[in-house]
């Protein structure tokens, strides 16, 4: 089962931007299918996402920490018209943050959600057990 989270900082940015969770979930689905805009190293990837009324090319860029399998964590976002990229220092910090989250087991992730550090999005339906 795929788990998708956003950090507290990313959640604040995505509310203000606004970038709805449905758009973020669609971005993860595209990335699972191999549509990645850039591999920045250290398990951090960049993806273009559409913003209301602007589409992808004029929209936002999001940076995601992932193991490219079951765990996806939205770390940072910015609008294309505000900045073009992040600097090396910011990337290093995001890579370290991604490493911490990606090393967590399910109970640690649950505690991070309870503490408000992470919010889970893209809830997948679990098959009914009969």
N, C-alpha and C. Protein backbone atom coordinates (compact mmCIF):
# COMPACT_ATOMS: atom_id res chain seq x y z
N UNK A 1 0.84 -1.18 0.00
CA UNK A 1 0.00 0.00 0.00
C UNK A 1 0.88 1.25 0.00
N UNK A 2 0.56 2.18 -0.84
CA UNK A 2 1.31 3.43 -0.96
C UNK A 2 0.86 4.40 0.12
N UNK A 3 1.82 5.02 0.81
CA UNK A 3 1.52 6.05 1.80
C UNK A 3 2.10 7.36 1.29
N UNK A 4 1.26 8.40 1.31
CA UNK A 4 1.67 9.72 0.83
C UNK A 4 1.40 10.72 1.95
N UNK A 5 2.43 11.49 2.27
CA UNK A 5 2.34 12.47 3.35
C UNK A 5 2.80 13.83 2.86
N UNK A 6 2.44 14.86 3.61
CA UNK A 6 3.03 16.18 3.42
C UNK A 6 3.48 16.67 4.78
N UNK A 7 4.62 17.36 4.79
CA UNK A 7 5.13 17.90 6.04
C UNK A 7 4.28 19.08 6.48
N UNK A 8 4.43 19.48 7.72
CA UNK A 8 3.68 20.62 8.23
C UNK A 8 3.99 21.88 7.42
N UNK A 9 5.25 22.09 7.11
CA UNK A 9 5.65 23.27 6.33
C UNK A 9 5.06 23.22 4.93
N UNK A 10 5.12 22.06 4.30
CA UNK A 10 4.55 21.92 2.95
C UNK A 10 3.04 22.13 3.00
N UNK A 11 2.37 21.59 4.00
CA UNK A 11 0.92 21.74 4.12
C UNK A 11 0.53 23.22 4.21
N UNK A 12 1.30 23.98 4.96
CA UNK A 12 1.04 25.42 5.09
C UNK A 12 1.18 26.10 3.73
N UNK A 13 2.28 25.77 2.99
CA UNK A 13 2.48 26.35 1.67
C UNK A 13 1.36 25.95 0.71
N UNK A 14 0.99 24.67 0.71
CA UNK A 14 -0.01 24.19 -0.26
C UNK A 14 -1.39 24.81 -0.02
N UNK A 15 -1.69 25.16 1.24
CA UNK A 15 -2.96 25.84 1.52
C UNK A 15 -2.94 27.26 0.95
N UNK A 16 -1.81 27.94 1.09
CA UNK A 16 -1.70 29.33 0.64
C UNK A 16 -1.61 29.43 -0.88
N UNK A 17 -0.99 28.45 -1.53
CA UNK A 17 -0.67 28.55 -2.96
C UNK A 17 -1.90 28.73 -3.86
N UNK A 18 -2.97 28.11 -3.86
CA UNK A 18 -3.34 26.82 -3.28
C UNK A 18 -3.06 25.67 -4.25
N UNK A 19 -2.62 24.56 -3.68
CA UNK A 19 -2.44 23.33 -4.45
C UNK A 19 -3.21 22.25 -3.70
N UNK A 20 -4.35 21.82 -4.25
CA UNK A 20 -5.19 20.83 -3.56
C UNK A 20 -4.51 19.46 -3.44
N UNK A 21 -4.91 18.71 -2.40
CA UNK A 21 -4.38 17.37 -2.20
C UNK A 21 -4.63 16.48 -3.43
N UNK A 22 -5.76 16.66 -4.11
CA UNK A 22 -6.05 15.84 -5.29
C UNK A 22 -4.98 16.03 -6.37
N UNK A 23 -4.46 17.24 -6.51
CA UNK A 23 -3.40 17.51 -7.48
C UNK A 23 -2.11 16.82 -7.04
N UNK A 24 -1.83 16.84 -5.75
CA UNK A 24 -0.63 16.18 -5.23
C UNK A 24 -0.72 14.67 -5.42
N UNK A 25 -1.89 14.11 -5.17
CA UNK A 25 -2.08 12.67 -5.36
C UNK A 25 -1.91 12.28 -6.82
N UNK A 26 -2.41 13.13 -7.72
CA UNK A 26 -2.24 12.87 -9.16
C UNK A 26 -0.76 12.93 -9.53
N UNK A 27 0.00 13.83 -8.91
CA UNK A 27 1.43 13.93 -9.18
C UNK A 27 2.15 12.65 -8.77
N UNK A 28 1.78 12.10 -7.62
CA UNK A 28 2.39 10.84 -7.17
C UNK A 28 2.05 9.72 -8.15
N UNK A 29 0.80 9.66 -8.60
CA UNK A 29 0.39 8.64 -9.56
C UNK A 29 1.21 8.75 -10.84
N UNK A 30 1.45 9.97 -11.31
CA UNK A 30 2.28 10.17 -12.50
C UNK A 30 3.71 9.71 -12.26
N UNK A 31 4.24 10.01 -11.08
CA UNK A 31 5.61 9.62 -10.77
C UNK A 31 5.75 8.10 -10.66
N UNK A 32 4.75 7.44 -10.11
CA UNK A 32 4.77 5.99 -10.04
C UNK A 32 4.84 5.41 -11.46
N UNK A 33 4.19 6.09 -12.40
CA UNK A 33 4.19 5.66 -13.80
C UNK A 33 5.47 6.06 -14.53
N UNK A 34 6.39 6.74 -13.84
CA UNK A 34 7.67 7.10 -14.45
C UNK A 34 7.79 8.52 -14.94
N UNK A 35 6.78 9.34 -14.73
CA UNK A 35 6.81 10.73 -15.19
C UNK A 35 7.39 11.64 -14.10
N UNK A 36 8.71 11.64 -14.02
CA UNK A 36 9.43 12.44 -13.03
C UNK A 36 10.11 13.59 -13.77
N UNK A 37 10.01 14.80 -13.25
CA UNK A 37 10.66 15.93 -13.91
C UNK A 37 12.15 15.98 -13.66
N UNK A 38 12.58 15.66 -12.42
CA UNK A 38 14.02 15.68 -12.13
C UNK A 38 14.31 14.86 -10.89
N UNK A 39 15.38 14.07 -10.97
CA UNK A 39 15.92 13.35 -9.81
C UNK A 39 17.02 14.24 -9.26
N UNK A 40 16.81 14.80 -8.08
CA UNK A 40 17.77 15.73 -7.49
C UNK A 40 18.80 15.03 -6.61
N UNK A 41 18.70 13.71 -6.50
CA UNK A 41 19.63 12.94 -5.68
C UNK A 41 19.16 12.85 -4.24
N UNK A 42 19.68 11.88 -3.51
CA UNK A 42 19.34 11.73 -2.11
C UNK A 42 17.87 11.44 -1.88
N UNK A 43 17.22 10.74 -2.81
CA UNK A 43 15.80 10.36 -2.72
C UNK A 43 14.86 11.56 -2.81
N UNK A 44 15.32 12.66 -3.40
CA UNK A 44 14.48 13.85 -3.58
C UNK A 44 14.24 14.05 -5.09
N UNK A 45 12.97 14.27 -5.43
CA UNK A 45 12.56 14.42 -6.82
C UNK A 45 11.75 15.70 -6.98
N UNK A 46 11.84 16.29 -8.17
CA UNK A 46 11.07 17.50 -8.48
C UNK A 46 9.96 17.13 -9.45
N UNK A 47 8.78 17.71 -9.23
CA UNK A 47 7.63 17.46 -10.08
C UNK A 47 6.87 18.76 -10.29
N UNK A 48 6.47 19.00 -11.53
CA UNK A 48 5.61 20.15 -11.83
C UNK A 48 4.17 19.77 -11.53
N UNK A 49 3.44 20.69 -10.92
CA UNK A 49 2.02 20.46 -10.65
C UNK A 49 1.21 21.67 -11.11
N UNK A 50 -0.01 21.38 -11.52
CA UNK A 50 -0.90 22.44 -11.98
C UNK A 50 -1.45 23.22 -10.79
N UNK A 51 -1.68 24.48 -11.05
CA UNK A 51 -2.35 25.32 -10.06
C UNK A 51 -3.66 25.78 -10.69
N UNK A 52 -4.66 26.05 -9.88
CA UNK A 52 -5.95 26.46 -10.43
C UNK A 52 -5.82 27.62 -11.42
N UNK A 53 -6.29 27.41 -12.64
CA UNK A 53 -6.28 28.43 -13.67
C UNK A 53 -4.96 28.64 -14.38
N UNK A 54 -3.92 27.88 -14.05
CA UNK A 54 -2.61 28.10 -14.66
C UNK A 54 -2.02 26.88 -15.37
N UNK A 55 -2.43 25.70 -15.03
CA UNK A 55 -1.84 24.51 -15.62
C UNK A 55 -0.47 24.22 -15.04
N UNK A 56 0.21 23.22 -15.61
CA UNK A 56 1.51 22.80 -15.06
C UNK A 56 2.64 23.76 -15.41
N UNK A 57 2.69 24.22 -16.66
CA UNK A 57 3.84 25.02 -17.07
C UNK A 57 3.94 26.35 -16.31
N UNK A 58 2.81 26.91 -15.93
CA UNK A 58 2.82 28.15 -15.16
C UNK A 58 2.50 27.94 -13.71
N UNK A 59 2.52 26.71 -13.28
CA UNK A 59 2.08 26.36 -11.94
C UNK A 59 3.18 26.34 -10.92
N UNK A 60 3.23 25.26 -10.17
CA UNK A 60 4.16 25.15 -9.06
C UNK A 60 5.11 23.98 -9.27
N UNK A 61 6.16 23.99 -8.47
CA UNK A 61 7.12 22.89 -8.44
C UNK A 61 7.10 22.34 -7.02
N UNK A 62 7.06 21.02 -6.92
CA UNK A 62 7.09 20.40 -5.60
C UNK A 62 8.27 19.45 -5.52
N UNK A 63 8.85 19.36 -4.34
CA UNK A 63 9.97 18.46 -4.10
C UNK A 63 9.48 17.38 -3.15
N UNK A 64 9.72 16.14 -3.55
CA UNK A 64 9.17 14.98 -2.87
C UNK A 64 10.29 14.05 -2.47
N UNK A 65 10.28 13.61 -1.23
CA UNK A 65 11.19 12.56 -0.78
C UNK A 65 10.47 11.23 -0.94
N UNK A 66 11.11 10.27 -1.58
CA UNK A 66 10.45 8.99 -1.81
C UNK A 66 11.44 7.85 -1.99
N UNK A 67 10.95 6.67 -1.66
CA UNK A 67 11.71 5.46 -1.96
C UNK A 67 11.25 4.88 -3.30
N UNK A 68 10.40 5.64 -4.01
CA UNK A 68 9.83 5.28 -5.32
C UNK A 68 9.01 4.00 -5.25
N UNK A 69 8.51 3.71 -4.08
CA UNK A 69 7.69 2.52 -3.89
C UNK A 69 6.49 2.83 -3.04
N UNK A 70 6.64 2.61 -1.75
CA UNK A 70 5.50 2.72 -0.85
C UNK A 70 5.40 4.03 -0.08
N UNK A 71 6.48 4.80 -0.01
CA UNK A 71 6.48 6.00 0.83
C UNK A 71 6.84 7.25 0.03
N UNK A 72 5.98 8.27 0.14
CA UNK A 72 6.13 9.54 -0.57
C UNK A 72 5.86 10.66 0.41
N UNK A 73 6.80 11.63 0.50
CA UNK A 73 6.64 12.74 1.44
C UNK A 73 6.89 14.06 0.70
N UNK A 74 5.84 14.89 0.62
CA UNK A 74 5.99 16.21 0.01
C UNK A 74 6.73 17.09 1.01
N UNK A 75 7.88 17.63 0.56
CA UNK A 75 8.78 18.36 1.44
C UNK A 75 8.76 19.87 1.25
N UNK A 76 8.68 20.31 -0.02
CA UNK A 76 8.86 21.73 -0.31
C UNK A 76 8.12 22.06 -1.60
N UNK A 77 7.58 23.25 -1.67
CA UNK A 77 6.90 23.69 -2.88
C UNK A 77 7.17 25.16 -3.13
N UNK A 78 7.13 25.52 -4.42
CA UNK A 78 7.28 26.93 -4.79
C UNK A 78 6.61 27.17 -6.13
N UNK A 79 6.13 28.39 -6.29
CA UNK A 79 5.53 28.77 -7.56
C UNK A 79 6.62 29.15 -8.54
N UNK A 80 6.43 28.77 -9.79
CA UNK A 80 7.43 29.02 -10.81
C UNK A 80 7.72 30.51 -10.96
N UNK A 81 6.72 31.35 -10.78
CA UNK A 81 6.93 32.79 -10.95
C UNK A 81 7.64 33.43 -9.75
N UNK A 82 7.81 32.68 -8.65
CA UNK A 82 8.50 33.21 -7.48
C UNK A 82 9.98 32.89 -7.46
N UNK A 83 10.35 31.72 -7.97
CA UNK A 83 11.75 31.31 -8.02
C UNK A 83 11.89 30.20 -9.04
N UNK A 84 13.10 30.00 -9.52
CA UNK A 84 13.29 28.99 -10.56
C UNK A 84 13.74 27.64 -10.00
N UNK A 85 14.44 27.67 -8.89
CA UNK A 85 14.95 26.42 -8.31
C UNK A 85 15.35 26.65 -6.86
N UNK A 86 15.97 25.66 -6.25
CA UNK A 86 16.50 25.80 -4.90
C UNK A 86 18.02 25.78 -4.97
N UNK A 87 18.66 26.29 -3.93
CA UNK A 87 20.13 26.28 -3.95
C UNK A 87 20.66 24.99 -3.32
N UNK A 88 21.96 24.79 -3.39
CA UNK A 88 22.59 23.56 -2.91
C UNK A 88 22.38 23.35 -1.41
N UNK A 89 22.40 24.41 -0.64
CA UNK A 89 22.20 24.31 0.80
C UNK A 89 20.78 23.83 1.10
N UNK A 90 19.80 24.39 0.41
CA UNK A 90 18.41 23.97 0.60
C UNK A 90 18.24 22.51 0.20
N UNK A 91 18.85 22.11 -0.92
CA UNK A 91 18.75 20.73 -1.37
C UNK A 91 19.34 19.78 -0.34
N UNK A 92 20.47 20.11 0.21
CA UNK A 92 21.09 19.26 1.23
C UNK A 92 20.17 19.08 2.44
N UNK A 93 19.56 20.17 2.87
CA UNK A 93 18.62 20.10 3.98
C UNK A 93 17.42 19.22 3.67
N UNK A 94 16.89 19.34 2.45
CA UNK A 94 15.76 18.52 2.04
C UNK A 94 16.15 17.05 1.93
N UNK A 95 17.36 16.78 1.46
CA UNK A 95 17.82 15.39 1.37
C UNK A 95 17.94 14.77 2.76
N UNK A 96 18.42 15.55 3.73
CA UNK A 96 18.52 15.06 5.10
C UNK A 96 17.14 14.82 5.70
N UNK A 97 16.22 15.74 5.45
CA UNK A 97 14.85 15.58 5.93
C UNK A 97 14.20 14.35 5.31
N UNK A 98 14.39 14.17 4.00
CA UNK A 98 13.83 13.00 3.32
C UNK A 98 14.38 11.72 3.92
N UNK A 99 15.68 11.69 4.19
CA UNK A 99 16.30 10.49 4.77
C UNK A 99 15.68 10.13 6.11
N UNK A 100 15.38 11.14 6.93
CA UNK A 100 14.77 10.89 8.24
C UNK A 100 13.39 10.27 8.06
N UNK A 101 12.54 10.88 7.23
CA UNK A 101 11.19 10.37 7.04
C UNK A 101 11.18 9.00 6.37
N UNK A 102 12.05 8.80 5.38
CA UNK A 102 12.07 7.54 4.65
C UNK A 102 12.59 6.38 5.50
N UNK A 103 13.32 6.69 6.57
CA UNK A 103 13.84 5.65 7.45
C UNK A 103 12.83 5.24 8.53
N UNK A 104 11.72 5.98 8.63
CA UNK A 104 10.73 5.69 9.67
C UNK A 104 9.93 4.43 9.36
N UNK A 105 9.63 3.68 10.41
CA UNK A 105 8.72 2.55 10.25
C UNK A 105 7.29 3.05 10.44
N UNK A 106 6.31 2.16 10.29
CA UNK A 106 4.91 2.59 10.31
C UNK A 106 4.51 3.21 11.65
N UNK A 107 5.00 2.69 12.76
CA UNK A 107 4.63 3.28 14.05
C UNK A 107 5.26 4.66 14.24
N UNK A 108 6.47 4.85 13.73
CA UNK A 108 7.11 6.17 13.81
C UNK A 108 6.36 7.18 12.92
N UNK A 109 5.93 6.73 11.75
CA UNK A 109 5.15 7.61 10.88
C UNK A 109 3.83 7.98 11.56
N UNK A 110 3.21 7.02 12.19
CA UNK A 110 1.96 7.28 12.90
C UNK A 110 2.15 8.31 14.00
N UNK A 111 3.25 8.20 14.74
CA UNK A 111 3.55 9.18 15.80
C UNK A 111 3.80 10.57 15.20
N UNK A 112 4.47 10.62 14.03
CA UNK A 112 4.71 11.91 13.38
C UNK A 112 3.39 12.55 12.94
N UNK A 113 2.45 11.74 12.51
CA UNK A 113 1.11 12.24 12.15
C UNK A 113 0.40 12.75 13.40
N UNK A 114 0.45 11.97 14.48
CA UNK A 114 -0.19 12.38 15.73
C UNK A 114 0.41 13.68 16.27
N UNK A 115 1.71 13.87 16.07
CA UNK A 115 2.39 15.09 16.55
C UNK A 115 2.17 16.28 15.62
N UNK A 116 1.57 16.05 14.46
CA UNK A 116 1.31 17.14 13.52
C UNK A 116 2.46 17.45 12.59
N UNK A 117 3.51 16.64 12.62
CA UNK A 117 4.65 16.86 11.72
C UNK A 117 4.33 16.42 10.29
N UNK A 118 3.47 15.42 10.15
CA UNK A 118 3.06 14.90 8.85
C UNK A 118 1.55 14.83 8.78
N UNK A 119 1.02 14.98 7.57
CA UNK A 119 -0.39 14.76 7.31
C UNK A 119 -0.47 13.75 6.18
N UNK A 120 -1.24 12.69 6.38
CA UNK A 120 -1.38 11.69 5.33
C UNK A 120 -2.46 12.13 4.35
N UNK A 121 -2.15 12.00 3.06
CA UNK A 121 -3.09 12.31 1.99
C UNK A 121 -3.16 11.10 1.07
N UNK A 122 -3.99 11.15 0.06
CA UNK A 122 -4.12 10.08 -0.95
C UNK A 122 -4.50 8.76 -0.31
N UNK A 123 -5.49 8.77 0.51
CA UNK A 123 -5.92 7.55 1.19
C UNK A 123 -6.44 6.56 0.17
N UNK A 124 -5.77 5.43 0.09
CA UNK A 124 -6.20 4.38 -0.83
C UNK A 124 -7.24 3.51 -0.16
N UNK A 125 -8.19 3.07 -0.96
CA UNK A 125 -9.21 2.15 -0.43
C UNK A 125 -8.56 0.80 -0.17
N UNK A 126 -8.83 0.28 0.99
CA UNK A 126 -8.36 -1.06 1.32
C UNK A 126 -9.42 -2.05 0.88
N UNK A 127 -9.02 -3.17 0.28
CA UNK A 127 -10.01 -4.14 -0.14
C UNK A 127 -10.78 -4.69 1.06
N UNK A 128 -12.05 -4.92 0.83
CA UNK A 128 -12.88 -5.50 1.90
C UNK A 128 -12.45 -6.91 2.16
N UNK A 129 -12.30 -7.25 3.42
CA UNK A 129 -11.94 -8.62 3.75
C UNK A 129 -13.23 -9.35 4.14
N UNK A 130 -13.46 -10.49 3.51
CA UNK A 130 -14.69 -11.25 3.77
C UNK A 130 -14.35 -12.60 4.27
